[in-house]
Amino acid sequence: MIQVQSELTRSWSQLGQSFGEEFPSKKRANIFNNYNEIKRGATIMHFIEVTQQNLKLAYTIQKEIFSNSPDILHIKNSIDNNDPGYAYWIVYENETAIGISGIYTVEADRDSVWLSWYGVLPKWRSKGFGRKILLESIERATSLNQFKYLRLYTSEEYNASALGVYNSVMDLCERYENPDDETFERTALVYSYSLTEEKVTPWNNRYMGIRELEELCVAGELYLKDHGYEI
């Protein structure tokens, strides 16, 4: 834990960053210009929305990436719903599935859309795909024209390897310490990105329902057991 925190502090000090302050000198245009150059390269990354036909593949990918939190129901419930801010995608590089991403909303703030189960399969990590998927997810959230912010939660201890990408792309980082919610032993962080020209409004420890999402994972495993593990 000490090592993880020192690495995190060092990465933020290099940016002149402290908790609850916007990352300075955000070169958004450069971030997305570089991303667009990558998209015009030899390989093609595309997002395929999760449907009943590819739900099993989506769940298999999510479970491999997040082996401690398999979540069939949150993915399944996104299919054929009427909320544009609730969707999942399987991410392909050319014809190969390499990861997953999704978005959802919470009642505490309908101006925000949250990144959900975003990740890259182990075989495809350390190749820049995590950053590309995050940027594409931001573009998709922006294109909805319904939300001011994209946010995500993570843990500085359990997901330390992803913090460098979040620090380089997102606008704001805060600790999440709501006493009524899961905080991963007080290591939870909330990252935010403005989808408009407005400055990011901090989350400020409003309840986001991580505990309910964890409970949904457990309910999902019972659902699969009751259905003979057939999706």
Protein backbone atom coordinates (compact mmCIF):
# COMPACT_ATOMS: atom_id res chain seq x y z
CA MET A 1 0.00 0.00 0.00
CA ILE A 2 2.81 2.45 0.86
CA GLN A 3 4.54 1.72 -2.44
CA VAL A 4 1.35 2.24 -4.41
CA GLN A 5 0.61 5.53 -2.67
CA SER A 6 4.15 6.80 -3.20
CA GLU A 7 3.97 5.98 -6.92
CA LEU A 8 0.61 7.74 -7.14
CA THR A 9 1.91 10.80 -5.30
CA ARG A 10 4.96 10.91 -7.53
CA SER A 11 2.89 10.80 -10.74
CA TRP A 12 0.67 13.62 -9.49
CA SER A 13 3.58 15.73 -8.29
CA GLN A 14 5.03 15.53 -11.79
CA LEU A 15 1.77 17.07 -13.01
CA GLY A 16 1.61 19.60 -10.18
CA GLN A 17 -1.60 17.89 -9.10
CA SER A 18 -3.31 17.43 -5.77
CA PHE A 19 -6.64 15.79 -4.91
CA GLY A 20 -9.69 17.83 -5.83
CA GLU A 21 -7.91 20.17 -8.25
CA GLU A 22 -8.14 20.10 -12.02
CA PHE A 23 -5.15 18.75 -13.89
CA PRO A 24 -3.27 21.81 -15.21
CA SER A 25 -2.36 22.46 -18.85
CA LYS A 26 -4.76 19.89 -20.25
CA LYS A 27 -3.89 19.67 -23.94
CA ARG A 28 -7.23 18.20 -25.00
CA ALA A 29 -6.74 19.00 -28.66
CA ASN A 30 -3.40 17.20 -28.71
CA ILE A 31 -4.86 14.19 -26.88
CA PHE A 32 -7.63 13.71 -29.43
CA ASN A 33 -5.53 14.75 -32.44
CA ASN A 34 -3.04 12.03 -31.53
CA TYR A 35 -5.90 9.58 -31.04
CA ASN A 36 -7.37 10.42 -34.44
CA GLU A 37 -3.98 9.83 -36.03
CA ILE A 38 -3.90 6.40 -34.39
CA LYS A 39 -7.42 5.66 -35.68
CA ARG A 40 -6.23 6.36 -39.21
CA GLY A 41 -3.45 3.80 -38.84
CA ALA A 42 -3.14 0.30 -40.25
CA THR A 43 -5.30 -1.40 -37.61
CA ILE A 44 -8.96 -0.66 -36.96
CA MET A 45 -10.47 -0.55 -33.48
CA HIS A 46 -14.24 -0.64 -33.34
CA PHE A 47 -16.98 -0.93 -30.74
CA ILE A 48 -19.83 -3.42 -31.17
CA GLU A 49 -22.82 -2.85 -28.90
CA VAL A 50 -23.73 -5.75 -26.63
CA THR A 51 -26.94 -7.54 -27.63
CA GLN A 52 -28.52 -10.83 -26.63
CA GLN A 53 -26.54 -12.47 -29.46
CA ASN A 54 -23.10 -11.48 -28.14
CA LEU A 55 -23.93 -11.21 -24.42
CA LYS A 56 -22.08 -14.42 -23.60
CA LEU A 57 -18.88 -13.12 -25.21
CA ALA A 58 -19.24 -9.78 -23.41
CA TYR A 59 -19.64 -11.53 -20.05
CA THR A 60 -16.70 -13.85 -20.76
CA ILE A 61 -14.47 -10.83 -21.46
CA GLN A 62 -15.70 -8.90 -18.42
CA LYS A 63 -15.21 -11.90 -16.14
CA GLU A 64 -11.66 -12.49 -17.36
CA ILE A 65 -10.70 -8.86 -16.80
CA PHE A 66 -12.56 -8.46 -13.49
CA SER A 67 -12.29 -11.97 -12.11
CA ASN A 68 -13.28 -10.90 -8.58
CA SER A 69 -16.42 -9.06 -9.77
CA PRO A 70 -18.13 -10.97 -12.61
CA ASP A 71 -21.26 -9.00 -13.51
CA ILE A 72 -23.70 -10.61 -15.92
CA LEU A 73 -26.77 -8.63 -14.80
CA HIS A 74 -25.45 -5.09 -15.23
CA ILE A 75 -24.42 -5.98 -18.78
CA LYS A 76 -27.60 -7.95 -19.53
CA ASN A 77 -29.88 -5.20 -18.21
CA SER A 78 -28.36 -2.70 -20.68
CA ILE A 79 -29.86 -4.60 -23.62
CA ASP A 80 -33.03 -3.12 -25.14
CA ASN A 81 -33.34 -0.43 -22.46
CA ASN A 82 -34.53 3.11 -23.20
CA ASP A 83 -31.69 4.95 -21.45
CA PRO A 84 -29.11 6.29 -23.96
CA GLY A 85 -26.66 6.58 -21.08
CA TYR A 86 -26.73 2.83 -20.40
CA ALA A 87 -24.90 0.66 -22.91
CA TYR A 88 -22.02 -1.79 -23.25
CA TRP A 89 -19.65 -2.47 -26.12
CA ILE A 90 -17.25 -5.26 -26.99
CA VAL A 91 -14.06 -3.68 -28.31
CA TYR A 92 -12.38 -5.20 -31.35
CA GLU A 93 -9.00 -4.58 -32.92
CA ASN A 94 -9.60 -5.61 -36.52
CA GLU A 95 -11.48 -8.90 -36.04
CA THR A 96 -10.19 -9.75 -32.56
CA ALA A 97 -12.08 -8.95 -29.34
CA ILE A 98 -9.61 -7.21 -27.02
CA GLY A 99 -11.73 -5.63 -24.29
CA ILE A 100 -14.99 -4.13 -23.11
CA SER A 101 -16.40 -0.75 -22.18
CA GLY A 102 -19.73 0.64 -21.08
CA ILE A 103 -21.58 3.60 -19.63
CA TYR A 104 -24.37 4.02 -17.08
CA THR A 105 -25.99 6.74 -14.98
CA VAL A 106 -26.75 7.17 -11.27
CA GLU A 107 -29.68 8.93 -9.64
CA ALA A 108 -27.46 11.33 -7.71
CA ASP A 109 -26.53 13.28 -10.85
CA ARG A 110 -28.20 12.99 -14.24
CA ASP A 111 -25.63 15.39 -15.70
CA SER A 112 -23.00 12.65 -15.40
CA VAL A 113 -22.47 9.40 -17.22
CA TRP A 114 -20.17 6.81 -15.68
CA LEU A 115 -17.65 4.52 -17.34
CA SER A 116 -18.48 0.90 -16.57
CA TRP A 117 -16.37 -2.27 -16.65
CA TYR A 118 -13.84 -0.67 -18.98
CA GLY A 119 -10.84 -2.90 -19.50
CA VAL A 120 -8.44 -4.71 -21.81
CA LEU A 121 -7.86 -8.46 -21.91
CA PRO A 122 -4.47 -9.45 -20.41
CA LYS A 123 -2.99 -10.53 -23.75
CA TRP A 124 -3.54 -7.04 -25.20
CA ARG A 125 -2.32 -4.89 -22.33
CA SER A 126 0.68 -2.54 -22.45
CA LYS A 127 0.00 -1.83 -26.12
CA GLY A 128 -1.85 1.47 -25.77
CA PHE A 129 -5.33 -0.02 -26.12
CA GLY A 130 -6.51 1.10 -22.68
CA ARG A 131 -5.96 4.74 -23.59
CA LYS A 132 -7.59 4.30 -27.01
CA ILE A 133 -10.67 2.65 -25.50
CA LEU A 134 -10.99 5.40 -22.89
CA LEU A 135 -10.79 8.13 -25.54
CA GLU A 136 -13.32 6.38 -27.78
CA SER A 137 -15.66 5.97 -24.79
CA ILE A 138 -15.37 9.70 -24.12
CA GLU A 139 -16.20 10.45 -27.76
CA ARG A 140 -19.27 8.22 -27.61
CA ALA A 141 -20.48 9.84 -24.39
CA THR A 142 -19.95 13.29 -25.90
CA SER A 143 -21.90 12.38 -29.05
CA LEU A 144 -25.02 11.70 -26.97
CA ASN A 145 -25.30 15.44 -26.24
CA GLN A 146 -27.09 14.67 -22.98
CA PHE A 147 -24.36 14.75 -20.36
CA LYS A 148 -21.91 17.31 -19.02
CA TYR A 149 -19.39 14.92 -17.50
CA LEU A 150 -17.97 11.44 -17.87
CA ARG A 151 -16.81 10.01 -14.57
CA LEU A 152 -15.28 6.76 -13.37
CA TYR A 153 -14.38 5.27 -10.04
CA THR A 154 -11.39 3.12 -9.29
CA SER A 155 -9.05 2.12 -6.46
CA GLU A 156 -5.56 3.49 -6.04
CA GLU A 157 -4.52 0.16 -4.54
CA TYR A 158 -6.30 -2.43 -6.66
CA ASN A 159 -6.04 -0.67 -10.03
CA ALA A 160 -2.79 1.25 -9.70
CA SER A 161 -1.60 0.24 -13.18
CA ALA A 162 -4.39 2.27 -14.83
CA LEU A 163 -3.82 5.52 -12.94
CA GLY A 164 -1.24 6.81 -15.41
CA VAL A 165 -3.81 6.69 -18.23
CA TYR A 166 -6.48 8.34 -16.09
CA ASN A 167 -4.08 11.09 -15.00
CA SER A 168 -3.13 11.84 -18.60
CA VAL A 169 -6.69 11.97 -19.97
CA MET A 170 -9.16 12.93 -17.24
CA ASP A 171 -9.66 16.47 -15.90
CA LEU A 172 -10.08 15.92 -12.17
CA CYS A 173 -9.32 13.34 -9.48
CA GLU A 174 -10.90 13.16 -6.02
CA ARG A 175 -10.89 10.73 -3.15
CA TYR A 176 -14.24 9.03 -2.58
CA GLU A 177 -14.93 8.65 1.12
CA ASN A 178 -18.71 8.44 1.45
CA PRO A 179 -19.27 6.51 4.72
CA ASP A 180 -22.48 4.92 3.44
CA ASP A 181 -20.86 3.35 0.39
CA GLU A 182 -18.08 0.93 -0.56
CA THR A 183 -14.72 2.72 -0.67
CA PHE A 184 -12.34 -0.26 -1.13
CA GLU A 185 -10.80 0.24 2.30
CA ARG A 186 -10.59 4.02 1.74
CA THR A 187 -8.65 3.71 -1.53
CA ALA A 188 -11.50 4.74 -3.86
CA LEU A 189 -10.93 7.55 -6.36
CA VAL A 190 -13.32 9.40 -8.67
CA TYR A 191 -12.01 10.76 -11.96
CA SER A 192 -14.07 13.26 -14.00
CA TYR A 193 -13.92 14.62 -17.54
CA SER A 194 -15.91 17.54 -18.93
CA LEU A 195 -17.83 16.66 -22.09
CA THR A 196 -18.53 20.34 -22.76
CA GLU A 197 -16.60 23.60 -22.49
CA GLU A 198 -17.70 23.95 -18.87
CA LYS A 199 -15.31 23.39 -16.00
CA VAL A 200 -15.75 20.08 -14.21
CA THR A 201 -17.97 20.15 -11.13
CA PRO A 202 -16.40 17.92 -8.44
CA TRP A 203 -18.31 14.85 -7.33
CA ASN A 204 -17.80 15.85 -3.68
CA ASN A 205 -18.47 12.45 -2.13
CA ARG A 206 -22.09 12.20 -3.23
CA TYR A 207 -23.42 8.67 -2.93
CA MET A 208 -22.81 6.75 -6.15
CA GLY A 209 -23.99 3.25 -5.24
CA ILE A 210 -20.83 1.15 -5.52
CA ARG A 211 -22.23 -1.13 -2.82
CA GLU A 212 -25.34 -1.84 -4.89
CA LEU A 213 -23.20 -2.60 -7.94
CA GLU A 214 -21.17 -5.08 -5.87
CA GLU A 215 -24.41 -6.70 -4.68
CA LEU A 216 -25.57 -6.95 -8.29
CA CYS A 217 -22.46 -9.01 -9.07
CA VAL A 218 -23.46 -11.51 -6.37
CA ALA A 219 -27.05 -11.58 -7.64
CA GLY A 220 -25.72 -12.23 -11.13
CA GLU A 221 -23.85 -15.32 -10.04
CA LEU A 222 -27.02 -16.65 -8.39
CA TYR A 223 -28.92 -15.88 -11.59
CA LEU A 224 -26.44 -17.92 -13.63
CA LYS A 225 -26.57 -20.77 -11.14
CA ASP A 226 -30.38 -20.85 -11.33
CA HIS A 227 -30.21 -20.89 -15.13
CA GLY A 228 -27.62 -23.64 -15.31
CA TYR A 229 -24.93 -21.11 -16.25
CA GLU A 230 -26.63 -20.62 -19.58
CA ILE A 231 -26.66 -17.03 -20.84
